[in-house]
Structure formats: C-alpha cells, structure tokens
Amino acid sequence: MKRKASLYFFIIIVIVFLIIKAFAWFNNVNSGKQSFRDTSHLILTKHVKCRMDCRHITEDEIKEILKDGNVNYAKSGIGSKGDSTFALEGYSHENQHIRVVVAPESDGLVIITCIDLSHEWPCNCY
C-alpha cells in the first residue's frame, strides 16, 4: 500500500512539473518578447535555402510570415536539439500560403524550414 502511495505521489509531481513547464513555454510565446518574430538577423540553414529555392519562397516572404503570421501551436514545441521551435503560418504578398519553422538563438533567428501549404513542389533537398 505504501508503495502505491509513493508511486501516485511521484506521478503527481511529474504531472505538476510538466504543467509548470508548459505554462512557462506558453507565457514565453505570448510575452511581449516573442524573439521568434525578430527579423534583424536571420540565419538561413542550407536546408531552408534549398527549400526556398524549390518552393519559390523569398527571404522577404519569410520575413512577412515572421512578422504577421500566426503561431501554429500544434507544429511548435521542442526541436530535435532541445531548443524551442515556432511554426508561423500566413499568406505572403504573392498570396502563397507559407509555414516557416524557426528557432531563436542568442546570435539570431535560425530559419529551419519553409513549406508551401497550398502546393506540393518537387524538391530534391538532402
């Protein structure tokens, strides 16, 4: 019986910890800082440069989406390297429906990928 109580207590502690982390992440996203919207120093990965080329997305369109796009919380979260990633979606001035995935870093905003949500472009990126 004592073992069950200890297990339940541990599970409750883990759940509370996860809820606190989720609230902290959500508050960071909704705070005035929103570092994922700062377009002053973009770091374009080789992957995103290739995706931009085959999907006909320009750097100006990327900046538009970062500035005015809506956060897709279902596609945002913790990236493969343990960093926060944000997926922003919107329509460019050319009416292209775009999703941009970014990761704020201390030296700038890393653009991870970009996707045309309305059209499937042939692409041979590595």
N, C-alpha and C. Protein backbone atom coordinates (compact mmCIF):
# COMPACT_ATOMS: atom_id res chain seq x y z
N MET A 1 0.82 -1.20 0.00
CA MET A 1 0.00 0.00 0.00
C MET A 1 0.87 1.27 0.00
N LYS A 2 1.93 1.21 0.81
CA LYS A 2 2.82 2.36 0.88
C LYS A 2 3.52 2.59 -0.46
N ARG A 3 3.80 1.51 -1.18
CA ARG A 3 4.44 1.61 -2.48
C ARG A 3 3.53 2.30 -3.49
N LYS A 4 2.24 1.95 -3.44
CA LYS A 4 1.28 2.59 -4.34
C LYS A 4 1.18 4.08 -4.06
N ALA A 5 1.15 4.45 -2.81
CA ALA A 5 1.07 5.87 -2.44
C ALA A 5 2.29 6.63 -2.94
N SER A 6 3.46 6.01 -2.81
CA SER A 6 4.69 6.65 -3.30
C SER A 6 4.66 6.81 -4.81
N LEU A 7 4.16 5.80 -5.51
CA LEU A 7 4.05 5.87 -6.97
C LEU A 7 3.09 6.97 -7.39
N TYR A 8 1.94 7.06 -6.74
CA TYR A 8 0.97 8.11 -7.05
C TYR A 8 1.56 9.49 -6.78
N PHE A 9 2.27 9.63 -5.67
CA PHE A 9 2.90 10.91 -5.33
C PHE A 9 3.91 11.30 -6.41
N PHE A 10 4.72 10.34 -6.86
CA PHE A 10 5.71 10.60 -7.90
C PHE A 10 5.03 11.02 -9.20
N ILE A 11 3.97 10.34 -9.57
CA ILE A 11 3.24 10.67 -10.80
C ILE A 11 2.66 12.07 -10.71
N ILE A 12 2.11 12.43 -9.57
CA ILE A 12 1.54 13.77 -9.38
C ILE A 12 2.64 14.83 -9.51
N ILE A 13 3.80 14.58 -8.92
CA ILE A 13 4.91 15.53 -9.00
C ILE A 13 5.34 15.71 -10.46
N VAL A 14 5.44 14.64 -11.21
CA VAL A 14 5.83 14.73 -12.62
C VAL A 14 4.79 15.52 -13.41
N ILE A 15 3.53 15.26 -13.18
CA ILE A 15 2.47 15.98 -13.89
C ILE A 15 2.51 17.47 -13.57
N VAL A 16 2.69 17.81 -12.31
CA VAL A 16 2.77 19.23 -11.91
C VAL A 16 3.97 19.89 -12.58
N PHE A 17 5.11 19.19 -12.61
CA PHE A 17 6.30 19.72 -13.25
C PHE A 17 6.05 19.99 -14.74
N LEU A 18 5.42 19.04 -15.41
CA LEU A 18 5.12 19.21 -16.84
C LEU A 18 4.15 20.36 -17.09
N ILE A 19 3.18 20.52 -16.22
CA ILE A 19 2.23 21.63 -16.36
C ILE A 19 2.95 22.96 -16.18
N ILE A 20 3.83 23.04 -15.20
CA ILE A 20 4.58 24.28 -14.97
C ILE A 20 5.45 24.61 -16.18
N LYS A 21 6.13 23.60 -16.75
CA LYS A 21 6.96 23.83 -17.93
C LYS A 21 6.11 24.28 -19.13
N ALA A 22 4.94 23.68 -19.28
CA ALA A 22 4.05 24.05 -20.39
C ALA A 22 3.59 25.50 -20.24
N PHE A 23 3.23 25.90 -19.02
CA PHE A 23 2.82 27.29 -18.81
C PHE A 23 3.96 28.25 -19.07
N ALA A 24 5.17 27.90 -18.64
CA ALA A 24 6.33 28.76 -18.87
C ALA A 24 6.58 28.92 -20.37
N TRP A 25 6.49 27.81 -21.12
CA TRP A 25 6.69 27.88 -22.56
C TRP A 25 5.62 28.74 -23.21
N PHE A 26 4.35 28.52 -22.80
CA PHE A 26 3.24 29.27 -23.38
C PHE A 26 3.37 30.76 -23.06
N ASN A 27 3.77 31.10 -21.84
CA ASN A 27 3.94 32.51 -21.47
C ASN A 27 5.07 33.15 -22.26
N ASN A 28 6.14 32.39 -22.54
CA ASN A 28 7.22 32.92 -23.35
C ASN A 28 6.74 33.23 -24.76
N VAL A 29 5.92 32.35 -25.31
CA VAL A 29 5.38 32.55 -26.65
C VAL A 29 4.49 33.79 -26.68
N ASN A 30 3.69 33.99 -25.65
CA ASN A 30 2.72 35.08 -25.63
C ASN A 30 3.24 36.35 -24.97
N SER A 31 4.47 36.37 -24.52
CA SER A 31 5.01 37.57 -23.91
C SER A 31 5.33 38.60 -24.98
N GLY A 32 5.62 39.81 -24.56
CA GLY A 32 5.96 40.87 -25.50
C GLY A 32 7.27 40.62 -26.22
N LYS A 33 8.12 39.73 -25.69
CA LYS A 33 9.43 39.48 -26.28
C LYS A 33 9.30 38.84 -27.65
N GLN A 34 8.63 37.76 -27.75
CA GLN A 34 8.44 36.99 -28.98
C GLN A 34 9.67 37.06 -29.87
N SER A 35 10.76 36.49 -29.38
CA SER A 35 12.02 36.53 -30.10
C SER A 35 11.95 35.84 -31.46
N PHE A 36 10.91 35.04 -31.69
CA PHE A 36 10.78 34.36 -32.98
C PHE A 36 10.23 35.28 -34.05
N ARG A 37 9.95 36.53 -33.73
CA ARG A 37 9.48 37.49 -34.74
C ARG A 37 10.55 38.52 -35.12
N ASP A 38 11.72 38.43 -34.49
CA ASP A 38 12.80 39.39 -34.75
C ASP A 38 13.51 39.02 -36.05
N THR A 39 13.35 39.83 -37.07
CA THR A 39 13.94 39.55 -38.38
C THR A 39 15.24 40.30 -38.62
N SER A 40 15.81 40.91 -37.57
CA SER A 40 17.01 41.72 -37.76
C SER A 40 18.23 40.87 -38.13
N HIS A 41 18.29 39.62 -37.66
CA HIS A 41 19.41 38.75 -38.02
C HIS A 41 18.91 37.33 -38.25
N LEU A 42 18.64 37.02 -39.51
CA LEU A 42 18.18 35.69 -39.87
C LEU A 42 19.37 34.81 -40.22
N ILE A 43 19.32 33.58 -39.72
CA ILE A 43 20.34 32.59 -40.06
C ILE A 43 19.65 31.52 -40.90
N LEU A 44 19.98 31.49 -42.18
CA LEU A 44 19.35 30.55 -43.11
C LEU A 44 20.20 29.28 -43.21
N THR A 45 19.63 28.15 -42.84
CA THR A 45 20.34 26.88 -42.95
C THR A 45 20.42 26.47 -44.41
N LYS A 46 21.33 25.53 -44.72
CA LYS A 46 21.42 25.03 -46.09
C LYS A 46 20.10 24.38 -46.49
N HIS A 47 19.49 23.71 -45.54
CA HIS A 47 18.21 23.04 -45.81
C HIS A 47 17.14 24.05 -46.24
N VAL A 48 16.99 25.13 -45.48
CA VAL A 48 15.94 26.10 -45.82
C VAL A 48 16.26 26.81 -47.14
N LYS A 49 17.53 27.05 -47.42
CA LYS A 49 17.87 27.68 -48.70
C LYS A 49 17.43 26.80 -49.87
N CYS A 50 17.64 25.52 -49.72
CA CYS A 50 17.21 24.58 -50.77
C CYS A 50 15.69 24.57 -50.88
N ARG A 51 15.00 24.51 -49.74
CA ARG A 51 13.52 24.51 -49.73
C ARG A 51 12.97 25.81 -50.31
N MET A 52 13.58 26.92 -49.97
CA MET A 52 13.13 28.21 -50.51
C MET A 52 13.24 28.21 -52.03
N ASP A 53 14.34 27.67 -52.52
CA ASP A 53 14.58 27.66 -53.97
C ASP A 53 13.53 26.81 -54.69
N CYS A 54 13.31 25.58 -54.23
CA CYS A 54 12.37 24.72 -54.97
C CYS A 54 10.92 25.08 -54.71
N ARG A 55 10.63 25.79 -53.64
CA ARG A 55 9.24 26.16 -53.35
C ARG A 55 8.93 27.61 -53.71
N HIS A 56 9.88 28.28 -54.33
CA HIS A 56 9.69 29.66 -54.81
C HIS A 56 9.28 30.60 -53.68
N ILE A 57 10.01 30.53 -52.57
CA ILE A 57 9.76 31.39 -51.42
C ILE A 57 10.99 32.27 -51.23
N THR A 58 10.77 33.57 -51.13
CA THR A 58 11.88 34.52 -50.99
C THR A 58 12.12 34.84 -49.52
N GLU A 59 13.27 35.45 -49.26
CA GLU A 59 13.59 35.88 -47.89
C GLU A 59 12.60 36.94 -47.42
N ASP A 60 12.16 37.80 -48.34
CA ASP A 60 11.16 38.81 -47.96
C ASP A 60 9.85 38.16 -47.53
N GLU A 61 9.46 37.08 -48.21
CA GLU A 61 8.25 36.37 -47.81
C GLU A 61 8.42 35.72 -46.44
N ILE A 62 9.61 35.19 -46.18
CA ILE A 62 9.90 34.62 -44.86
C ILE A 62 9.71 35.70 -43.80
N LYS A 63 10.27 36.88 -44.04
CA LYS A 63 10.15 37.99 -43.08
C LYS A 63 8.70 38.39 -42.88
N GLU A 64 7.92 38.40 -43.96
CA GLU A 64 6.49 38.72 -43.86
C GLU A 64 5.77 37.78 -42.90
N ILE A 65 6.02 36.48 -43.08
CA ILE A 65 5.35 35.48 -42.25
C ILE A 65 5.81 35.60 -40.80
N LEU A 66 7.10 35.85 -40.59
CA LEU A 66 7.60 36.02 -39.22
C LEU A 66 6.96 37.21 -38.55
N LYS A 67 6.76 38.27 -39.31
CA LYS A 67 6.19 39.50 -38.74
C LYS A 67 4.69 39.37 -38.51
N ASP A 68 3.95 38.84 -39.49
CA ASP A 68 2.50 38.89 -39.45
C ASP A 68 1.81 37.53 -39.29
N GLY A 69 2.57 36.45 -39.38
CA GLY A 69 1.96 35.11 -39.36
C GLY A 69 1.41 34.72 -38.00
N ASN A 70 0.58 33.70 -38.01
CA ASN A 70 0.00 33.16 -36.78
C ASN A 70 0.82 31.96 -36.33
N VAL A 71 0.99 31.82 -35.01
CA VAL A 71 1.71 30.68 -34.47
C VAL A 71 0.81 29.45 -34.55
N ASN A 72 1.33 28.38 -35.13
CA ASN A 72 0.63 27.10 -35.14
C ASN A 72 1.20 26.31 -33.97
N TYR A 73 0.47 26.29 -32.86
CA TYR A 73 0.96 25.66 -31.64
C TYR A 73 1.10 24.15 -31.80
N ALA A 74 0.31 23.55 -32.67
CA ALA A 74 0.41 22.10 -32.89
C ALA A 74 1.72 21.73 -33.57
N LYS A 75 2.31 22.64 -34.34
CA LYS A 75 3.56 22.38 -35.05
C LYS A 75 4.76 23.01 -34.35
N SER A 76 4.54 23.73 -33.24
CA SER A 76 5.60 24.36 -32.46
C SER A 76 5.93 23.48 -31.27
N GLY A 77 7.07 23.73 -30.66
CA GLY A 77 7.43 22.96 -29.47
C GLY A 77 8.92 22.87 -29.29
N ILE A 78 9.35 21.70 -28.86
CA ILE A 78 10.77 21.46 -28.62
C ILE A 78 11.35 20.77 -29.86
N GLY A 79 12.43 21.34 -30.38
CA GLY A 79 13.06 20.79 -31.57
C GLY A 79 13.95 19.60 -31.28
N SER A 80 14.55 19.05 -32.30
CA SER A 80 15.39 17.85 -32.17
C SER A 80 16.65 18.12 -31.35
N LYS A 81 17.05 19.37 -31.23
CA LYS A 81 18.24 19.71 -30.45
C LYS A 81 17.88 20.23 -29.06
N GLY A 82 16.60 20.10 -28.67
CA GLY A 82 16.17 20.54 -27.35
C GLY A 82 15.83 22.02 -27.26
N ASP A 83 15.86 22.72 -28.38
CA ASP A 83 15.55 24.14 -28.39
C ASP A 83 14.07 24.35 -28.72
N SER A 84 13.58 25.54 -28.41
CA SER A 84 12.19 25.88 -28.74
C SER A 84 12.09 26.19 -30.22
N THR A 85 11.10 25.60 -30.87
CA THR A 85 10.85 25.91 -32.27
C THR A 85 9.44 26.49 -32.39
N PHE A 86 9.27 27.37 -33.34
CA PHE A 86 7.99 28.02 -33.55
C PHE A 86 7.62 27.90 -35.02
N ALA A 87 6.39 27.46 -35.27
CA ALA A 87 5.88 27.36 -36.63
C ALA A 87 4.90 28.51 -36.83
N LEU A 88 5.21 29.36 -37.78
CA LEU A 88 4.36 30.51 -38.09
C LEU A 88 3.79 30.32 -39.49
N GLU A 89 2.51 30.65 -39.62
CA GLU A 89 1.83 30.45 -40.90
C GLU A 89 1.09 31.70 -41.32
N GLY A 90 1.01 31.89 -42.63
CA GLY A 90 0.27 33.01 -43.17
C GLY A 90 0.40 33.06 -44.67
N TYR A 91 -0.16 34.13 -45.24
CA TYR A 91 -0.13 34.33 -46.69
C TYR A 91 0.83 35.46 -47.01
N SER A 92 1.68 35.23 -48.00
CA SER A 92 2.63 36.26 -48.44
C SER A 92 1.91 37.26 -49.32
N HIS A 93 2.63 38.31 -49.68
CA HIS A 93 2.07 39.32 -50.59
C HIS A 93 1.74 38.72 -51.95
N GLU A 94 2.34 37.57 -52.27
CA GLU A 94 2.03 36.88 -53.53
C GLU A 94 0.93 35.84 -53.34
N ASN A 95 0.27 35.89 -52.19
CA ASN A 95 -0.85 35.00 -51.83
C ASN A 95 -0.42 33.53 -51.74
N GLN A 96 0.83 33.31 -51.38
CA GLN A 96 1.34 31.96 -51.18
C GLN A 96 1.15 31.61 -49.71
N HIS A 97 0.50 30.48 -49.42
CA HIS A 97 0.24 30.04 -48.05
C HIS A 97 1.49 29.34 -47.53
N ILE A 98 2.17 29.96 -46.57
CA ILE A 98 3.51 29.51 -46.16
C ILE A 98 3.54 29.21 -44.66
N ARG A 99 4.30 28.16 -44.31
CA ARG A 99 4.66 27.89 -42.91
C ARG A 99 6.17 28.02 -42.81
N VAL A 100 6.63 28.76 -41.80
CA VAL A 100 8.06 28.93 -41.54
C VAL A 100 8.33 28.40 -40.14
N VAL A 101 9.31 27.52 -40.01
CA VAL A 101 9.69 26.98 -38.71
C VAL A 101 11.03 27.60 -38.32
N VAL A 102 11.05 28.20 -37.12
CA VAL A 102 12.23 28.93 -36.66
C VAL A 102 12.63 28.50 -35.25
N ALA A 103 13.88 28.78 -34.90
CA ALA A 103 14.40 28.53 -33.56
C ALA A 103 15.22 29.75 -33.14
N PRO A 104 14.75 30.50 -32.13
CA PRO A 104 15.53 31.65 -31.67
C PRO A 104 16.84 31.18 -31.02
N GLU A 105 17.92 31.83 -31.38
CA GLU A 105 19.23 31.57 -30.78
C GLU A 105 19.79 32.90 -30.28
N SER A 106 20.84 32.84 -29.50
CA SER A 106 21.41 34.06 -28.94
C SER A 106 21.97 34.99 -30.01
N ASP A 107 22.43 34.43 -31.14
CA ASP A 107 23.03 35.25 -32.19
C ASP A 107 22.10 35.54 -33.36
N GLY A 108 20.83 35.13 -33.26
CA GLY A 108 19.89 35.42 -34.33
C GLY A 108 18.76 34.40 -34.37
N LEU A 109 18.00 34.48 -35.41
CA LEU A 109 16.85 33.61 -35.58
C LEU A 109 17.17 32.57 -36.67
N VAL A 110 17.27 31.30 -36.26
CA VAL A 110 17.59 30.23 -37.21
C VAL A 110 16.31 29.83 -37.94
N ILE A 111 16.32 29.94 -39.25
CA ILE A 111 15.20 29.51 -40.07
C ILE A 111 15.45 28.05 -40.42
N ILE A 112 14.62 27.16 -39.89
CA ILE A 112 14.83 25.73 -40.05
C ILE A 112 14.28 25.23 -41.38
N THR A 113 13.04 25.59 -41.69
CA THR A 113 12.45 25.17 -42.96
C THR A 113 11.30 26.09 -43.31
N CYS A 114 10.84 25.97 -44.55
CA CYS A 114 9.66 26.70 -45.02
C CYS A 114 8.87 25.76 -45.92
N ILE A 115 7.56 25.89 -45.84
CA ILE A 115 6.68 24.98 -46.55
C ILE A 115 5.59 25.77 -47.26
N ASP A 116 5.31 25.43 -48.49
CA ASP A 116 4.16 25.98 -49.20
C ASP A 116 2.99 25.05 -48.87
N LEU A 117 2.03 25.54 -48.12
CA LEU A 117 0.92 24.71 -47.64
C LEU A 117 -0.15 24.46 -48.71
N SER A 118 -0.07 25.18 -49.82
CA SER A 118 -1.09 25.04 -50.86
C SER A 118 -0.63 24.24 -52.07
N HIS A 119 0.68 24.05 -52.18
CA HIS A 119 1.20 23.42 -53.39
C HIS A 119 2.35 22.49 -53.04
N GLU A 120 2.35 21.32 -53.60
CA GLU A 120 3.43 20.34 -53.41
C GLU A 120 4.45 20.52 -54.52
N TRP A 121 5.61 21.11 -54.19
CA TRP A 121 6.65 21.36 -55.17
C TRP A 121 7.62 20.19 -55.22
N PRO A 122 8.09 19.81 -56.42
CA PRO A 122 9.13 18.79 -56.48
C PRO A 122 10.42 19.35 -55.88
N CYS A 123 11.05 18.58 -55.01
CA CYS A 123 12.22 19.08 -54.32
C CYS A 123 13.18 17.93 -54.04
N ASN A 124 14.45 18.16 -54.31
CA ASN A 124 15.47 17.12 -54.06
C ASN A 124 16.49 17.62 -53.05
N CYS A 125 16.01 18.13 -51.94
CA CYS A 125 16.93 18.59 -50.89
C CYS A 125 17.39 17.37 -50.09
N TYR A 126 18.59 17.42 -49.64
CA TYR A 126 19.27 16.36 -48.90
C TYR A 126 18.58 16.05 -47.61
